[in-house]
Amino acid sequence: MFRLRNFRSVLVVILCILYCTTSLAENFTNVIKRNGLYYDEVTNLPYNGEVKLENKGFGGPCYVISNYCEGLIFNGRKEGLWISYNKNWGVITSKIVWKKGKEVEVKIYSAKGTLSSESIIDGDKIYNKFYYENGDLRSVNLMDESCKGKKTCIYSASIECYFPSGIETPKRTLRWESILKGLFLTCDFND
């Protein structure tokens, strides 16, 4: 009788542990990305609805330094506000607004949870703002990528640079045009 009672107690403890661990597990949506669209794993149709997706490195569905993201998929494409999280840091890493499967607004956050950059994307034009860790504006730039993917093209961008708070030096504006790809404008106030 004593052994049967111990067995029941052990069984109850094991069942409680299994129940608690499964209820605390991450609940990710089962979708597959194929040819740029998200499909329901069961029906194999373009997915519609809210999702929580796990990020598995580069090329994952979320901002690169995120563990997972949440948002809406409509006809297999991301739509509306998508929020990415880094559970190790305990912060939001990005907020991205999608329209018809394309990014139209992007906000990136630091490991401390402060806004580090924001972008508005209108077709081939990208308007960016970058911030210091204290929240002060670091730079603003406009990039025109209308020739992206062409063999020869003039890429153009402009940038306005701002000094950190407390320095009374005016902003600096630069203009850049180049046939080279991968050249970036930056603000360096050490010169």
N, C-alpha and C. Protein backbone atom coordinates (compact mmCIF):
# COMPACT_ATOMS: atom_id res chain seq x y z
N MET A 1 0.83 -1.19 0.00
CA MET A 1 0.00 0.00 0.00
C MET A 1 0.87 1.25 0.00
N PHE A 2 1.96 1.21 0.77
CA PHE A 2 2.85 2.36 0.86
C PHE A 2 3.52 2.64 -0.49
N ARG A 3 3.91 1.58 -1.20
CA ARG A 3 4.58 1.75 -2.49
C ARG A 3 3.61 2.31 -3.54
N LEU A 4 2.38 1.88 -3.55
CA LEU A 4 1.39 2.39 -4.48
C LEU A 4 1.12 3.87 -4.24
N ARG A 5 1.10 4.25 -3.00
CA ARG A 5 0.89 5.66 -2.65
C ARG A 5 2.07 6.51 -3.12
N ASN A 6 3.29 6.03 -2.93
CA ASN A 6 4.48 6.75 -3.41
C ASN A 6 4.48 6.85 -4.93
N PHE A 7 4.06 5.77 -5.57
CA PHE A 7 4.01 5.77 -7.02
C PHE A 7 3.03 6.83 -7.53
N ARG A 8 1.85 6.93 -6.89
CA ARG A 8 0.87 7.95 -7.27
C ARG A 8 1.43 9.35 -7.07
N SER A 9 2.11 9.58 -5.97
CA SER A 9 2.70 10.90 -5.70
C SER A 9 3.74 11.26 -6.75
N VAL A 10 4.60 10.30 -7.07
CA VAL A 10 5.62 10.55 -8.09
C VAL A 10 4.96 10.81 -9.44
N LEU A 11 3.94 10.05 -9.77
CA LEU A 11 3.23 10.23 -11.03
C LEU A 11 2.59 11.62 -11.10
N VAL A 12 1.97 12.06 -10.03
CA VAL A 12 1.36 13.39 -9.98
C VAL A 12 2.42 14.47 -10.18
N VAL A 13 3.56 14.35 -9.54
CA VAL A 13 4.65 15.32 -9.68
C VAL A 13 5.15 15.35 -11.13
N ILE A 14 5.34 14.18 -11.72
CA ILE A 14 5.82 14.12 -13.12
C ILE A 14 4.80 14.76 -14.06
N LEU A 15 3.53 14.47 -13.88
CA LEU A 15 2.50 15.07 -14.74
C LEU A 15 2.44 16.59 -14.57
N CYS A 16 2.60 17.08 -13.35
CA CYS A 16 2.62 18.53 -13.11
C CYS A 16 3.80 19.19 -13.81
N ILE A 17 4.96 18.55 -13.72
CA ILE A 17 6.15 19.10 -14.38
C ILE A 17 5.95 19.14 -15.89
N LEU A 18 5.43 18.05 -16.47
CA LEU A 18 5.20 18.02 -17.92
C LEU A 18 4.19 19.07 -18.34
N TYR A 19 3.11 19.22 -17.58
CA TYR A 19 2.09 20.22 -17.91
C TYR A 19 2.67 21.63 -17.84
N CYS A 20 3.42 21.93 -16.80
CA CYS A 20 3.98 23.27 -16.62
C CYS A 20 4.98 23.60 -17.71
N THR A 21 5.84 22.66 -18.08
CA THR A 21 6.85 22.96 -19.09
C THR A 21 6.22 23.13 -20.46
N THR A 22 5.17 22.36 -20.78
CA THR A 22 4.54 22.54 -22.09
C THR A 22 3.75 23.83 -22.16
N SER A 23 3.17 24.27 -21.05
CA SER A 23 2.41 25.52 -21.08
C SER A 23 3.32 26.73 -21.13
N LEU A 24 4.57 26.59 -20.69
CA LEU A 24 5.52 27.70 -20.72
C LEU A 24 6.33 27.74 -22.01
N ALA A 25 6.23 26.71 -22.84
CA ALA A 25 7.02 26.65 -24.07
C ALA A 25 6.56 27.73 -25.04
N GLU A 26 7.49 28.18 -25.90
CA GLU A 26 7.15 29.17 -26.92
C GLU A 26 6.14 28.56 -27.88
N ASN A 27 5.16 29.32 -28.26
CA ASN A 27 4.12 28.85 -29.16
C ASN A 27 4.28 29.55 -30.50
N PHE A 28 5.08 28.97 -31.39
CA PHE A 28 5.35 29.58 -32.68
C PHE A 28 4.37 29.05 -33.73
N THR A 29 4.04 29.89 -34.71
CA THR A 29 3.13 29.52 -35.78
C THR A 29 3.86 28.64 -36.78
N ASN A 30 3.18 27.62 -37.26
CA ASN A 30 3.77 26.69 -38.23
C ASN A 30 3.49 27.16 -39.65
N VAL A 31 4.42 27.95 -40.18
CA VAL A 31 4.32 28.40 -41.57
C VAL A 31 5.64 28.10 -42.26
N ILE A 32 5.59 28.01 -43.57
CA ILE A 32 6.77 27.76 -44.39
C ILE A 32 6.90 28.92 -45.36
N LYS A 33 8.12 29.44 -45.53
CA LYS A 33 8.34 30.50 -46.52
C LYS A 33 8.88 29.86 -47.79
N ARG A 34 8.18 30.14 -48.89
CA ARG A 34 8.55 29.57 -50.17
C ARG A 34 8.29 30.61 -51.26
N ASN A 35 9.30 30.91 -52.06
CA ASN A 35 9.17 31.89 -53.15
C ASN A 35 8.66 33.24 -52.66
N GLY A 36 9.13 33.66 -51.47
CA GLY A 36 8.78 34.97 -50.94
C GLY A 36 7.44 35.05 -50.23
N LEU A 37 6.69 33.95 -50.17
CA LEU A 37 5.39 33.94 -49.51
C LEU A 37 5.40 32.94 -48.35
N TYR A 38 4.55 33.22 -47.35
CA TYR A 38 4.39 32.31 -46.22
C TYR A 38 3.17 31.43 -46.46
N TYR A 39 3.37 30.11 -46.28
CA TYR A 39 2.31 29.14 -46.49
C TYR A 39 2.00 28.40 -45.20
N ASP A 40 0.73 28.06 -45.01
CA ASP A 40 0.31 27.23 -43.89
C ASP A 40 0.88 25.83 -44.11
N GLU A 41 1.54 25.28 -43.09
CA GLU A 41 2.16 23.96 -43.22
C GLU A 41 1.13 22.86 -43.47
N VAL A 42 -0.06 23.01 -42.93
CA VAL A 42 -1.08 21.96 -43.04
C VAL A 42 -1.81 22.03 -44.38
N THR A 43 -2.32 23.24 -44.73
CA THR A 43 -3.14 23.36 -45.93
C THR A 43 -2.33 23.65 -47.19
N ASN A 44 -1.09 24.10 -47.02
CA ASN A 44 -0.21 24.48 -48.13
C ASN A 44 -0.77 25.65 -48.94
N LEU A 45 -1.63 26.46 -48.32
CA LEU A 45 -2.19 27.66 -48.94
C LEU A 45 -1.49 28.89 -48.37
N PRO A 46 -1.47 30.02 -49.10
CA PRO A 46 -0.89 31.24 -48.52
C PRO A 46 -1.55 31.54 -47.18
N TYR A 47 -0.71 31.86 -46.19
CA TYR A 47 -1.18 32.02 -44.81
C TYR A 47 -1.88 33.36 -44.63
N ASN A 48 -2.91 33.37 -43.79
CA ASN A 48 -3.61 34.58 -43.36
C ASN A 48 -3.78 34.53 -41.85
N GLY A 49 -3.36 35.58 -41.17
CA GLY A 49 -3.58 35.64 -39.73
C GLY A 49 -2.37 36.14 -38.98
N GLU A 50 -2.54 36.25 -37.66
CA GLU A 50 -1.45 36.68 -36.80
C GLU A 50 -0.49 35.53 -36.58
N VAL A 51 0.80 35.86 -36.49
CA VAL A 51 1.82 34.82 -36.31
C VAL A 51 2.85 35.25 -35.28
N LYS A 52 3.51 34.25 -34.74
CA LYS A 52 4.70 34.43 -33.90
C LYS A 52 5.73 33.50 -34.51
N LEU A 53 6.81 34.08 -35.04
CA LEU A 53 7.80 33.30 -35.77
C LEU A 53 9.15 33.31 -35.05
N GLU A 54 9.79 32.17 -35.04
CA GLU A 54 11.12 32.04 -34.44
C GLU A 54 12.16 32.45 -35.47
N ASN A 55 13.17 33.16 -35.02
CA ASN A 55 14.25 33.59 -35.89
C ASN A 55 15.40 32.62 -35.74
N LYS A 56 15.84 32.05 -36.83
CA LYS A 56 16.93 31.07 -36.80
C LYS A 56 18.11 31.59 -37.60
N GLY A 57 18.68 32.73 -37.17
CA GLY A 57 19.88 33.27 -37.81
C GLY A 57 19.56 34.13 -39.02
N PHE A 58 20.62 34.39 -39.83
CA PHE A 58 20.47 35.22 -41.03
C PHE A 58 19.46 34.61 -41.97
N GLY A 59 18.69 35.45 -42.59
CA GLY A 59 17.69 34.98 -43.53
C GLY A 59 16.40 34.56 -42.86
N GLY A 60 16.32 34.71 -41.53
CA GLY A 60 15.10 34.37 -40.81
C GLY A 60 14.03 35.43 -41.04
N PRO A 61 12.86 35.21 -40.50
CA PRO A 61 11.74 36.13 -40.76
C PRO A 61 11.80 37.44 -39.97
N CYS A 62 12.72 37.53 -39.00
CA CYS A 62 12.75 38.68 -38.10
C CYS A 62 14.03 39.49 -38.31
N TYR A 63 14.07 40.66 -37.65
CA TYR A 63 15.28 41.47 -37.64
C TYR A 63 16.42 40.62 -37.10
N VAL A 64 17.62 40.76 -37.66
CA VAL A 64 18.73 39.82 -37.48
C VAL A 64 19.10 39.51 -36.02
N ILE A 65 19.06 40.46 -35.10
CA ILE A 65 19.48 40.18 -33.73
C ILE A 65 18.32 39.78 -32.82
N SER A 66 17.23 39.35 -33.42
CA SER A 66 16.03 38.99 -32.67
C SER A 66 15.89 37.49 -32.53
N ASN A 67 15.23 37.06 -31.45
CA ASN A 67 14.92 35.64 -31.26
C ASN A 67 13.59 35.27 -31.92
N TYR A 68 12.64 36.22 -31.89
CA TYR A 68 11.35 35.96 -32.50
C TYR A 68 10.67 37.27 -32.85
N CYS A 69 9.62 37.16 -33.68
CA CYS A 69 8.86 38.35 -34.07
C CYS A 69 7.38 37.98 -34.16
N GLU A 70 6.56 39.01 -34.08
CA GLU A 70 5.12 38.82 -34.16
C GLU A 70 4.53 39.83 -35.14
N GLY A 71 3.53 39.39 -35.88
CA GLY A 71 2.89 40.29 -36.82
C GLY A 71 1.76 39.60 -37.55
N LEU A 72 1.32 40.22 -38.62
CA LEU A 72 0.19 39.74 -39.40
C LEU A 72 0.67 39.34 -40.79
N ILE A 73 0.15 38.22 -41.27
CA ILE A 73 0.40 37.80 -42.64
C ILE A 73 -0.94 37.79 -43.36
N PHE A 74 -0.98 38.42 -44.54
CA PHE A 74 -2.19 38.47 -45.34
C PHE A 74 -1.85 38.00 -46.75
N ASN A 75 -2.54 36.99 -47.23
CA ASN A 75 -2.25 36.39 -48.54
C ASN A 75 -0.78 36.00 -48.68
N GLY A 76 -0.19 35.50 -47.58
CA GLY A 76 1.18 35.01 -47.61
C GLY A 76 2.25 36.07 -47.44
N ARG A 77 1.85 37.35 -47.32
CA ARG A 77 2.83 38.45 -47.20
C ARG A 77 2.70 39.15 -45.86
N LYS A 78 3.83 39.65 -45.37
CA LYS A 78 3.80 40.43 -44.13
C LYS A 78 3.00 41.70 -44.37
N GLU A 79 2.21 42.06 -43.36
CA GLU A 79 1.35 43.25 -43.48
C GLU A 79 1.25 43.92 -42.12
N GLY A 80 1.25 45.25 -42.12
CA GLY A 80 1.07 45.99 -40.87
C GLY A 80 2.32 45.98 -40.00
N LEU A 81 2.12 46.20 -38.71
CA LEU A 81 3.23 46.32 -37.75
C LEU A 81 3.76 44.95 -37.35
N TRP A 82 5.09 44.79 -37.48
CA TRP A 82 5.79 43.59 -37.02
C TRP A 82 6.77 44.02 -35.94
N ILE A 83 6.75 43.32 -34.82
CA ILE A 83 7.65 43.64 -33.71
C ILE A 83 8.58 42.46 -33.47
N SER A 84 9.89 42.74 -33.42
CA SER A 84 10.89 41.71 -33.14
C SER A 84 11.43 41.90 -31.74
N TYR A 85 11.75 40.78 -31.09
CA TYR A 85 12.20 40.79 -29.70
C TYR A 85 13.52 40.02 -29.55
N ASN A 86 14.31 40.44 -28.59
CA ASN A 86 15.48 39.68 -28.18
C ASN A 86 15.24 39.30 -26.73
N LYS A 87 14.91 38.03 -26.48
CA LYS A 87 14.56 37.62 -25.12
C LYS A 87 15.76 37.62 -24.18
N ASN A 88 16.99 37.54 -24.73
CA ASN A 88 18.19 37.61 -23.88
C ASN A 88 18.38 39.01 -23.31
N TRP A 89 18.08 40.03 -24.12
CA TRP A 89 18.21 41.42 -23.68
C TRP A 89 16.95 41.89 -22.97
N GLY A 90 15.82 41.24 -23.27
CA GLY A 90 14.55 41.64 -22.68
C GLY A 90 13.99 42.91 -23.30
N VAL A 91 14.31 43.16 -24.58
CA VAL A 91 13.86 44.38 -25.24
C VAL A 91 13.33 44.10 -26.64
N ILE A 92 12.59 45.08 -27.14
CA ILE A 92 12.17 45.08 -28.54
C ILE A 92 13.39 45.49 -29.36
N THR A 93 13.67 44.76 -30.45
CA THR A 93 14.82 45.09 -31.29
C THR A 93 14.42 45.85 -32.55
N SER A 94 13.17 45.68 -32.98
CA SER A 94 12.73 46.43 -34.15
C SER A 94 11.21 46.49 -34.21
N LYS A 95 10.73 47.53 -34.88
CA LYS A 95 9.33 47.66 -35.25
C LYS A 95 9.32 48.00 -36.73
N ILE A 96 8.72 47.13 -37.51
CA ILE A 96 8.72 47.32 -38.97
C ILE A 96 7.28 47.31 -39.46
N VAL A 97 6.93 48.32 -40.26
CA VAL A 97 5.60 48.38 -40.87
C VAL A 97 5.72 47.89 -42.31
N TRP A 98 4.88 46.93 -42.64
CA TRP A 98 4.87 46.32 -43.98
C TRP A 98 3.58 46.70 -44.69
N LYS A 99 3.70 46.93 -46.01
CA LYS A 99 2.52 47.20 -46.83
C LYS A 99 2.68 46.39 -48.12
N LYS A 100 1.76 45.49 -48.35
CA LYS A 100 1.79 44.60 -49.52
C LYS A 100 3.12 43.86 -49.63
N GLY A 101 3.65 43.39 -48.50
CA GLY A 101 4.87 42.60 -48.49
C GLY A 101 6.16 43.38 -48.58
N LYS A 102 6.10 44.72 -48.50
CA LYS A 102 7.30 45.56 -48.57
C LYS A 102 7.41 46.43 -47.33
N GLU A 103 8.65 46.61 -46.87
CA GLU A 103 8.89 47.48 -45.72
C GLU A 103 8.63 48.92 -46.12
N VAL A 104 7.88 49.66 -45.27
CA VAL A 104 7.64 51.08 -45.54
C VAL A 104 8.15 51.95 -44.39
N GLU A 105 8.31 51.36 -43.21
CA GLU A 105 8.83 52.09 -42.06
C GLU A 105 9.58 51.11 -41.17
N VAL A 106 10.79 51.50 -40.74
CA VAL A 106 11.63 50.62 -39.93
C VAL A 106 12.19 51.40 -38.75
N LYS A 107 12.05 50.85 -37.54
CA LYS A 107 12.66 51.42 -36.35
C LYS A 107 13.51 50.32 -35.71
N ILE A 108 14.78 50.65 -35.47
CA ILE A 108 15.73 49.69 -34.88
C ILE A 108 16.11 50.20 -33.50
N TYR A 109 16.14 49.29 -32.53
CA TYR A 109 16.45 49.64 -31.14
C TYR A 109 17.75 48.99 -30.69
N SER A 110 18.43 49.64 -29.75
CA SER A 110 19.70 49.13 -29.21
C SER A 110 19.42 48.06 -28.16
N ALA A 111 20.49 47.45 -27.66
CA ALA A 111 20.38 46.44 -26.61
C ALA A 111 19.79 47.03 -25.33
N LYS A 112 19.90 48.35 -25.18
CA LYS A 112 19.33 49.03 -24.01
C LYS A 112 17.87 49.42 -24.23
N GLY A 113 17.37 49.20 -25.44
CA GLY A 113 15.98 49.51 -25.73
C GLY A 113 15.75 50.92 -26.26
N THR A 114 16.83 51.67 -26.52
CA THR A 114 16.68 53.03 -27.05
C THR A 114 16.66 52.99 -28.57
N LEU A 115 15.94 53.94 -29.16
CA LEU A 115 15.85 54.02 -30.62
C LEU A 115 17.22 54.37 -31.19
N SER A 116 17.74 53.53 -32.09
CA SER A 116 19.04 53.83 -32.69
C SER A 116 18.92 54.31 -34.13
N SER A 117 17.85 53.91 -34.84
CA SER A 117 17.63 54.43 -36.19
C SER A 117 16.17 54.24 -36.59
N GLU A 118 15.76 55.07 -37.52
CA GLU A 118 14.43 54.92 -38.11
C GLU A 118 14.50 55.28 -39.58
N SER A 119 13.72 54.57 -40.37
CA SER A 119 13.74 54.77 -41.82
C SER A 119 12.32 54.81 -42.36
N ILE A 120 12.11 55.68 -43.35
CA ILE A 120 10.88 55.72 -44.12
C ILE A 120 11.27 55.32 -45.54
N ILE A 121 10.58 54.34 -46.08
CA ILE A 121 10.91 53.83 -47.41
C ILE A 121 9.74 54.13 -48.33
N ASP A 122 10.02 54.88 -49.40
CA ASP A 122 9.00 55.24 -50.37
C ASP A 122 9.52 54.85 -51.75
N GLY A 123 9.17 53.66 -52.16
CA GLY A 123 9.68 53.17 -53.45
C GLY A 123 11.19 52.99 -53.37
N ASP A 124 11.92 53.73 -54.20
CA ASP A 124 13.38 53.64 -54.23
C ASP A 124 14.06 54.66 -53.32
N LYS A 125 13.30 55.50 -52.68
CA LYS A 125 13.87 56.53 -51.80
C LYS A 125 13.79 56.07 -50.35
N ILE A 126 14.91 56.23 -49.62
CA ILE A 126 14.97 55.83 -48.21
C ILE A 126 15.45 57.03 -47.40
N TYR A 127 14.64 57.46 -46.46
CA TYR A 127 14.96 58.57 -45.58
C TYR A 127 15.31 57.98 -44.22
N ASN A 128 16.54 58.19 -43.77
CA ASN A 128 17.04 57.59 -42.52
C ASN A 128 17.38 58.64 -41.48
N LYS A 129 17.14 58.30 -40.22
CA LYS A 129 17.61 59.10 -39.08
C LYS A 129 18.36 58.14 -38.15
N PHE A 130 19.54 58.57 -37.69
CA PHE A 130 20.33 57.78 -36.76
C PHE A 130 20.52 58.58 -35.48
N TYR A 131 20.53 57.87 -34.36
CA TYR A 131 20.57 58.53 -33.06
C TYR A 131 21.75 58.06 -32.21
N TYR A 132 22.26 58.99 -31.36
CA TYR A 132 23.23 58.62 -30.34
C TYR A 132 22.49 57.81 -29.27
N GLU A 133 23.26 57.12 -28.41
CA GLU A 133 22.63 56.32 -27.34
C GLU A 133 21.78 57.15 -26.39
N ASN A 134 22.13 58.45 -26.24
CA ASN A 134 21.36 59.29 -25.32
C ASN A 134 20.07 59.82 -25.98
N GLY A 135 19.82 59.47 -27.24
CA GLY A 135 18.61 59.88 -27.93
C GLY A 135 18.78 61.09 -28.83
N ASP A 136 19.93 61.77 -28.76
CA ASP A 136 20.19 62.92 -29.65
C ASP A 136 20.33 62.45 -31.10
N LEU A 137 19.88 63.29 -32.02
CA LEU A 137 20.00 63.00 -33.44
C LEU A 137 21.46 63.00 -33.85
N ARG A 138 21.91 61.93 -34.51
CA ARG A 138 23.29 61.84 -34.99
C ARG A 138 23.40 62.26 -36.45
N SER A 139 22.52 61.73 -37.29
CA SER A 139 22.56 62.10 -38.70
C SER A 139 21.22 61.80 -39.36
N VAL A 140 21.03 62.47 -40.49
CA VAL A 140 19.85 62.27 -41.32
C VAL A 140 20.35 62.09 -42.74
N ASN A 141 19.83 61.11 -43.45
CA ASN A 141 20.24 60.99 -44.83
C ASN A 141 19.09 60.54 -45.72
N LEU A 142 19.24 60.82 -46.99
CA LEU A 142 18.27 60.42 -48.00
C LEU A 142 19.04 59.65 -49.06
N MET A 143 18.59 58.46 -49.35
CA MET A 143 19.25 57.64 -50.37
C MET A 143 18.25 57.35 -51.49
N ASP A 144 18.74 57.39 -52.69
CA ASP A 144 17.93 57.07 -53.85
C ASP A 144 18.50 55.80 -54.46
N GLU A 145 17.74 54.73 -54.40
CA GLU A 145 18.22 53.45 -54.92
C GLU A 145 17.48 53.05 -56.19
N SER A 146 17.10 54.04 -56.98
CA SER A 146 16.32 53.76 -58.18
C SER A 146 17.09 52.93 -59.20
N CYS A 147 18.41 52.89 -59.08
CA CYS A 147 19.18 52.12 -60.05
C CYS A 147 19.65 50.79 -59.48
N LYS A 148 19.10 50.37 -58.37
CA LYS A 148 19.49 49.11 -57.75
C LYS A 148 19.30 47.96 -58.74
N GLY A 149 20.34 47.16 -58.91
CA GLY A 149 20.28 46.02 -59.80
C GLY A 149 20.74 46.31 -61.22
N LYS A 150 20.97 47.58 -61.56
CA LYS A 150 21.45 47.91 -62.90
C LYS A 150 22.97 47.87 -62.92
N LYS A 151 23.56 47.61 -64.09
CA LYS A 151 25.01 47.50 -64.18
C LYS A 151 25.71 48.84 -63.99
N THR A 152 25.24 49.87 -64.64
CA THR A 152 25.84 51.20 -64.46
C THR A 152 24.75 52.17 -64.05
N CYS A 153 25.06 52.95 -63.06
CA CYS A 153 24.06 53.84 -62.52
C CYS A 153 24.74 54.82 -61.58
N ILE A 154 24.16 55.97 -61.39
CA ILE A 154 24.68 56.92 -60.41
C ILE A 154 23.81 56.82 -59.16
N TYR A 155 24.41 56.30 -58.11
CA TYR A 155 23.72 56.26 -56.82
C TYR A 155 23.91 57.62 -56.17
N SER A 156 22.89 58.13 -55.54
CA SER A 156 23.06 59.42 -54.89
C SER A 156 22.51 59.38 -53.48
N ALA A 157 23.11 60.18 -52.65
CA ALA A 157 22.67 60.27 -51.25
C ALA A 157 23.10 61.62 -50.71
N SER A 158 22.41 62.07 -49.69
CA SER A 158 22.85 63.27 -48.98
C SER A 158 22.75 62.97 -47.50
N ILE A 159 23.56 63.65 -46.72
CA ILE A 159 23.58 63.38 -45.29
C ILE A 159 23.76 64.69 -44.53
N GLU A 160 23.08 64.82 -43.41
CA GLU A 160 23.28 65.94 -42.49
C GLU A 160 23.77 65.35 -41.18
N CYS A 161 24.88 65.87 -40.67
CA CYS A 161 25.48 65.34 -39.46
C CYS A 161 25.29 66.32 -38.31
N TYR A 162 25.04 65.80 -37.13
CA TYR A 162 24.81 66.62 -35.95
C TYR A 162 25.79 66.24 -34.86
N PHE A 163 26.29 67.23 -34.15
CA PHE A 163 27.18 66.98 -33.02
C PHE A 163 26.34 66.55 -31.82
N PRO A 164 26.96 65.83 -30.89
CA PRO A 164 26.23 65.46 -29.66
C PRO A 164 25.81 66.70 -28.87
N SER A 165 24.89 66.53 -27.95
CA SER A 165 24.39 67.63 -27.12
C SER A 165 25.54 68.37 -26.46
N GLY A 166 25.35 69.67 -26.32
CA GLY A 166 26.33 70.48 -25.60
C GLY A 166 27.42 71.05 -26.48
N ILE A 167 27.54 70.58 -27.71
CA ILE A 167 28.55 71.12 -28.62
C ILE A 167 27.83 72.05 -29.57
N GLU A 168 28.24 73.32 -29.60
CA GLU A 168 27.50 74.32 -30.37
C GLU A 168 28.02 74.50 -31.79
N THR A 169 28.47 73.44 -32.40
CA THR A 169 28.94 73.51 -33.78
C THR A 169 27.77 73.18 -34.70
N PRO A 170 27.58 73.92 -35.77
CA PRO A 170 26.42 73.68 -36.64
C PRO A 170 26.51 72.33 -37.35
N LYS A 171 25.37 71.89 -37.85
CA LYS A 171 25.34 70.62 -38.58
C LYS A 171 26.18 70.71 -39.85
N ARG A 172 26.58 69.59 -40.35
CA ARG A 172 27.39 69.51 -41.56
C ARG A 172 26.55 68.79 -42.62
N THR A 173 26.51 69.29 -43.82
CA THR A 173 25.76 68.64 -44.89
C THR A 173 26.73 68.22 -45.99
N LEU A 174 26.62 66.97 -46.40
CA LEU A 174 27.47 66.42 -47.46
C LEU A 174 26.59 65.94 -48.60
N ARG A 175 27.10 65.96 -49.80
CA ARG A 175 26.38 65.42 -50.95
C ARG A 175 27.31 64.43 -51.62
N TRP A 176 26.75 63.31 -52.02
CA TRP A 176 27.59 62.26 -52.59
C TRP A 176 26.90 61.67 -53.80
N GLU A 177 27.65 61.47 -54.84
CA GLU A 177 27.17 60.73 -56.00
C GLU A 177 28.30 59.83 -56.45
N SER A 178 27.97 58.61 -56.80
CA SER A 178 29.02 57.67 -57.16
C SER A 178 28.46 56.58 -58.05
N ILE A 179 29.34 56.02 -58.83
CA ILE A 179 28.99 54.85 -59.63
C ILE A 179 29.30 53.58 -58.82
N LEU A 180 30.07 53.73 -57.75
CA LEU A 180 30.44 52.59 -56.93
C LEU A 180 29.27 52.12 -56.08
N LYS A 181 29.22 50.83 -55.85
CA LYS A 181 28.20 50.27 -54.98
C LYS A 181 28.84 50.00 -53.62
N GLY A 182 28.06 50.08 -52.55
CA GLY A 182 28.55 49.73 -51.22
C GLY A 182 29.32 50.83 -50.53
N LEU A 183 29.32 52.04 -51.04
CA LEU A 183 30.00 53.15 -50.39
C LEU A 183 29.00 53.84 -49.47
N PHE A 184 29.39 54.06 -48.21
CA PHE A 184 28.47 54.63 -47.25
C PHE A 184 28.96 55.98 -46.76
N LEU A 185 28.04 56.87 -46.49
CA LEU A 185 28.35 58.14 -45.88
C LEU A 185 28.25 58.00 -44.37
N THR A 186 29.20 58.54 -43.66
CA THR A 186 29.12 58.53 -42.19
C THR A 186 29.53 59.89 -41.66
N CYS A 187 29.17 60.12 -40.44
CA CYS A 187 29.54 61.36 -39.77
C CYS A 187 30.68 61.06 -38.80
N ASP A 188 31.79 61.75 -38.95
CA ASP A 188 32.91 61.56 -38.05
C ASP A 188 33.32 62.94 -37.55
N PHE A 189 33.15 63.19 -36.26
CA PHE A 189 33.42 64.50 -35.70
C PHE A 189 34.80 64.60 -35.07
N ASN A 190 35.67 63.66 -35.37
CA ASN A 190 37.02 63.69 -34.79
C ASN A 190 38.01 64.45 -35.64
N ASP A 191 37.58 64.98 -36.78
CA ASP A 191 38.54 65.71 -37.66
C ASP A 191 38.52 67.19 -37.42
